[in-house]
Amino acid sequence: MGKAQPIKPMHRSMAGSQVWRRTPIGMSSLTVNNDLKHDMTNIALSIFTDCVNAGKTFQDAILAVYLSGLENGVSTRKGTQ
């Protein structure tokens, strides 16, 4: 028997992409500074935590984080807060 190979699960949107390129199909990447990344992570975790503590399902919590991101993205694009 040969050497065991590690399992590398990958979503089908990633299949065929280069190993160093981990951007899902149809999405783009954005470079942000560490402070902004930290702030965005805290907001997402806060929304997720609030949903879970309120008894929402995992799917609902992830959806809330996603919709918040969309709402903030639209506001940023329009120049509003």
N, C-alpha and C. Protein backbone atom coordinates (compact mmCIF):
# COMPACT_ATOMS: atom_id res chain seq x y z
N MET A 1 0.84 -1.19 0.00
CA MET A 1 0.00 0.00 0.00
C MET A 1 0.88 1.24 0.00
N GLY A 2 0.43 2.25 -0.71
CA GLY A 2 1.18 3.50 -0.78
C GLY A 2 0.92 4.38 0.42
N LYS A 3 1.60 5.50 0.45
CA LYS A 3 1.45 6.46 1.54
C LYS A 3 0.03 7.05 1.50
N ALA A 4 -0.58 7.16 2.65
CA ALA A 4 -1.93 7.71 2.74
C ALA A 4 -1.94 9.17 2.31
N GLN A 5 -2.91 9.54 1.52
CA GLN A 5 -3.06 10.91 1.06
C GLN A 5 -4.09 11.63 1.92
N PRO A 6 -3.86 12.89 2.25
CA PRO A 6 -4.83 13.62 3.07
C PRO A 6 -6.13 13.87 2.28
N ILE A 7 -7.21 13.88 3.01
CA ILE A 7 -8.50 14.20 2.40
C ILE A 7 -8.58 15.72 2.27
N LYS A 8 -8.90 16.20 1.09
CA LYS A 8 -9.00 17.63 0.84
C LYS A 8 -10.37 17.93 0.26
N PRO A 9 -11.39 18.02 1.12
CA PRO A 9 -12.72 18.29 0.61
C PRO A 9 -12.78 19.67 -0.05
N MET A 10 -13.49 19.76 -1.13
CA MET A 10 -13.58 21.03 -1.85
C MET A 10 -14.96 21.14 -2.49
N HIS A 11 -15.57 22.28 -2.34
CA HIS A 11 -16.87 22.52 -2.95
C HIS A 11 -16.74 22.48 -4.47
N ARG A 12 -17.79 22.06 -5.14
CA ARG A 12 -17.72 21.92 -6.60
C ARG A 12 -17.40 23.23 -7.32
N SER A 13 -17.69 24.38 -6.68
CA SER A 13 -17.37 25.66 -7.32
C SER A 13 -15.87 25.89 -7.38
N MET A 14 -15.12 25.14 -6.58
CA MET A 14 -13.67 25.28 -6.54
C MET A 14 -12.97 24.27 -7.44
N ALA A 15 -13.68 23.26 -7.89
CA ALA A 15 -13.06 22.19 -8.67
C ALA A 15 -12.41 22.75 -9.93
N GLY A 16 -11.21 22.27 -10.21
CA GLY A 16 -10.50 22.70 -11.41
C GLY A 16 -9.71 23.98 -11.23
N SER A 17 -9.87 24.64 -10.11
CA SER A 17 -9.12 25.89 -9.91
C SER A 17 -7.70 25.56 -9.47
N GLN A 18 -6.83 26.51 -9.62
CA GLN A 18 -5.45 26.33 -9.20
C GLN A 18 -5.40 26.20 -7.68
N VAL A 19 -4.44 25.47 -7.18
CA VAL A 19 -4.33 25.23 -5.74
C VAL A 19 -4.19 26.55 -4.99
N TRP A 20 -3.43 27.50 -5.50
CA TRP A 20 -3.20 28.76 -4.80
C TRP A 20 -4.35 29.75 -5.00
N ARG A 21 -5.26 29.45 -5.88
CA ARG A 21 -6.40 30.34 -6.12
C ARG A 21 -7.62 29.74 -5.45
N ARG A 22 -8.09 30.36 -4.40
CA ARG A 22 -9.20 29.82 -3.62
C ARG A 22 -10.43 30.72 -3.70
N THR A 23 -10.64 31.41 -4.79
CA THR A 23 -11.80 32.26 -4.96
C THR A 23 -12.91 31.46 -5.62
N PRO A 24 -14.06 31.30 -4.95
CA PRO A 24 -15.16 30.55 -5.56
C PRO A 24 -15.62 31.19 -6.86
N ILE A 25 -16.14 30.39 -7.76
CA ILE A 25 -16.61 30.86 -9.06
C ILE A 25 -17.69 31.92 -8.85
N GLY A 26 -17.59 33.00 -9.58
CA GLY A 26 -18.57 34.08 -9.52
C GLY A 26 -18.34 35.07 -8.39
N MET A 27 -17.25 34.91 -7.65
CA MET A 27 -16.95 35.83 -6.56
C MET A 27 -15.61 36.49 -6.82
N SER A 28 -15.43 37.65 -6.26
CA SER A 28 -14.15 38.34 -6.42
C SER A 28 -13.52 38.51 -5.05
N SER A 29 -12.24 38.84 -5.05
CA SER A 29 -11.54 39.03 -3.78
C SER A 29 -11.32 40.52 -3.54
N LEU A 30 -11.04 40.84 -2.31
CA LEU A 30 -10.82 42.22 -1.92
C LEU A 30 -9.74 42.23 -0.86
N THR A 31 -8.79 43.12 -0.99
CA THR A 31 -7.74 43.25 0.01
C THR A 31 -8.13 44.35 0.98
N VAL A 32 -8.16 44.01 2.26
CA VAL A 32 -8.51 44.99 3.29
C VAL A 32 -7.42 44.97 4.36
N ASN A 33 -7.29 46.07 5.08
CA ASN A 33 -6.30 46.11 6.15
C ASN A 33 -6.78 45.28 7.34
N ASN A 34 -5.87 44.97 8.24
CA ASN A 34 -6.19 44.09 9.36
C ASN A 34 -7.26 44.66 10.28
N ASP A 35 -7.27 45.98 10.48
CA ASP A 35 -8.29 46.58 11.35
C ASP A 35 -9.69 46.40 10.78
N LEU A 36 -9.84 46.64 9.48
CA LEU A 36 -11.14 46.49 8.85
C LEU A 36 -11.57 45.02 8.86
N LYS A 37 -10.64 44.12 8.59
CA LYS A 37 -10.95 42.69 8.62
C LYS A 37 -11.40 42.27 10.01
N HIS A 38 -10.70 42.76 11.02
CA HIS A 38 -11.07 42.46 12.40
C HIS A 38 -12.47 42.98 12.73
N ASP A 39 -12.77 44.21 12.32
CA ASP A 39 -14.09 44.80 12.57
C ASP A 39 -15.19 44.02 11.86
N MET A 40 -14.96 43.66 10.60
CA MET A 40 -15.98 42.91 9.85
C MET A 40 -16.21 41.54 10.47
N THR A 41 -15.14 40.91 10.92
CA THR A 41 -15.27 39.60 11.57
C THR A 41 -16.07 39.72 12.85
N ASN A 42 -15.80 40.75 13.65
CA ASN A 42 -16.55 40.95 14.89
C ASN A 42 -18.03 41.19 14.64
N ILE A 43 -18.35 41.95 13.61
CA ILE A 43 -19.76 42.19 13.27
C ILE A 43 -20.44 40.89 12.88
N ALA A 44 -19.80 40.12 12.01
CA ALA A 44 -20.37 38.85 11.56
C ALA A 44 -20.57 37.88 12.72
N LEU A 45 -19.56 37.78 13.60
CA LEU A 45 -19.68 36.89 14.75
C LEU A 45 -20.75 37.36 15.72
N SER A 46 -20.90 38.66 15.87
CA SER A 46 -21.92 39.21 16.74
C SER A 46 -23.32 38.87 16.22
N ILE A 47 -23.53 39.03 14.93
CA ILE A 47 -24.83 38.69 14.33
C ILE A 47 -25.10 37.20 14.49
N PHE A 48 -24.09 36.38 14.19
CA PHE A 48 -24.24 34.94 14.31
C PHE A 48 -24.58 34.55 15.75
N THR A 49 -23.86 35.11 16.71
CA THR A 49 -24.08 34.80 18.13
C THR A 49 -25.48 35.22 18.58
N ASP A 50 -25.91 36.41 18.16
CA ASP A 50 -27.25 36.87 18.52
C ASP A 50 -28.32 35.92 18.00
N CYS A 51 -28.16 35.47 16.77
CA CYS A 51 -29.14 34.55 16.17
C CYS A 51 -29.17 33.21 16.90
N VAL A 52 -28.00 32.66 17.17
CA VAL A 52 -27.93 31.37 17.86
C VAL A 52 -28.51 31.48 19.27
N ASN A 53 -28.17 32.56 19.97
CA ASN A 53 -28.70 32.76 21.32
C ASN A 53 -30.22 32.96 21.32
N ALA A 54 -30.76 33.44 20.20
CA ALA A 54 -32.21 33.61 20.09
C ALA A 54 -32.91 32.32 19.64
N GLY A 55 -32.12 31.25 19.48
CA GLY A 55 -32.72 29.97 19.11
C GLY A 55 -32.93 29.76 17.63
N LYS A 56 -32.32 30.58 16.81
CA LYS A 56 -32.44 30.43 15.36
C LYS A 56 -31.59 29.25 14.89
N THR A 57 -31.94 28.70 13.75
CA THR A 57 -31.17 27.59 13.20
C THR A 57 -29.84 28.09 12.64
N PHE A 58 -28.93 27.16 12.41
CA PHE A 58 -27.64 27.51 11.82
C PHE A 58 -27.85 28.20 10.47
N GLN A 59 -28.76 27.66 9.67
CA GLN A 59 -29.04 28.23 8.35
C GLN A 59 -29.55 29.66 8.47
N ASP A 60 -30.44 29.90 9.43
CA ASP A 60 -30.95 31.26 9.62
C ASP A 60 -29.85 32.22 10.08
N ALA A 61 -28.96 31.72 10.94
CA ALA A 61 -27.87 32.57 11.43
C ALA A 61 -26.93 32.94 10.29
N ILE A 62 -26.57 31.96 9.46
CA ILE A 62 -25.70 32.25 8.31
C ILE A 62 -26.40 33.19 7.33
N LEU A 63 -27.68 32.99 7.12
CA LEU A 63 -28.44 33.87 6.23
C LEU A 63 -28.44 35.30 6.76
N ALA A 64 -28.60 35.46 8.07
CA ALA A 64 -28.58 36.80 8.67
C ALA A 64 -27.24 37.49 8.44
N VAL A 65 -26.15 36.75 8.60
CA VAL A 65 -24.82 37.31 8.35
C VAL A 65 -24.69 37.72 6.88
N TYR A 66 -25.14 36.84 5.98
CA TYR A 66 -25.06 37.11 4.55
C TYR A 66 -25.88 38.34 4.17
N LEU A 67 -27.12 38.40 4.65
CA LEU A 67 -27.98 39.53 4.31
C LEU A 67 -27.45 40.84 4.88
N SER A 68 -26.84 40.77 6.06
CA SER A 68 -26.23 41.96 6.63
C SER A 68 -25.09 42.46 5.74
N GLY A 69 -24.30 41.52 5.24
CA GLY A 69 -23.22 41.88 4.33
C GLY A 69 -23.74 42.53 3.05
N LEU A 70 -24.82 41.96 2.52
CA LEU A 70 -25.42 42.55 1.32
C LEU A 70 -25.92 43.96 1.59
N GLU A 71 -26.62 44.12 2.71
CA GLU A 71 -27.16 45.43 3.06
C GLU A 71 -26.05 46.46 3.24
N ASN A 72 -24.99 46.08 3.94
CA ASN A 72 -23.87 47.01 4.13
C ASN A 72 -23.15 47.29 2.82
N GLY A 73 -23.04 46.30 1.95
CA GLY A 73 -22.42 46.50 0.65
C GLY A 73 -23.19 47.48 -0.20
N VAL A 74 -24.51 47.34 -0.20
CA VAL A 74 -25.37 48.26 -0.97
C VAL A 74 -25.26 49.68 -0.40
N SER A 75 -25.28 49.79 0.92
CA SER A 75 -25.16 51.11 1.56
C SER A 75 -23.83 51.76 1.20
N THR A 76 -22.77 50.98 1.23
CA THR A 76 -21.45 51.51 0.89
C THR A 76 -21.41 51.97 -0.54
N ARG A 77 -21.99 51.18 -1.43
CA ARG A 77 -21.99 51.53 -2.85
C ARG A 77 -22.78 52.81 -3.11
N LYS A 78 -23.88 53.00 -2.37
CA LYS A 78 -24.70 54.20 -2.53
C LYS A 78 -24.12 55.40 -1.79
N GLY A 79 -23.16 55.14 -0.89
CA GLY A 79 -22.56 56.23 -0.12
C GLY A 79 -23.36 56.61 1.09
N THR A 80 -24.25 55.71 1.55
CA THR A 80 -25.04 55.97 2.75
C THR A 80 -24.56 55.06 3.87
N GLN A 81 -25.05 55.32 5.07
CA GLN A 81 -24.70 54.46 6.20
C GLN A 81 -25.94 53.87 6.81
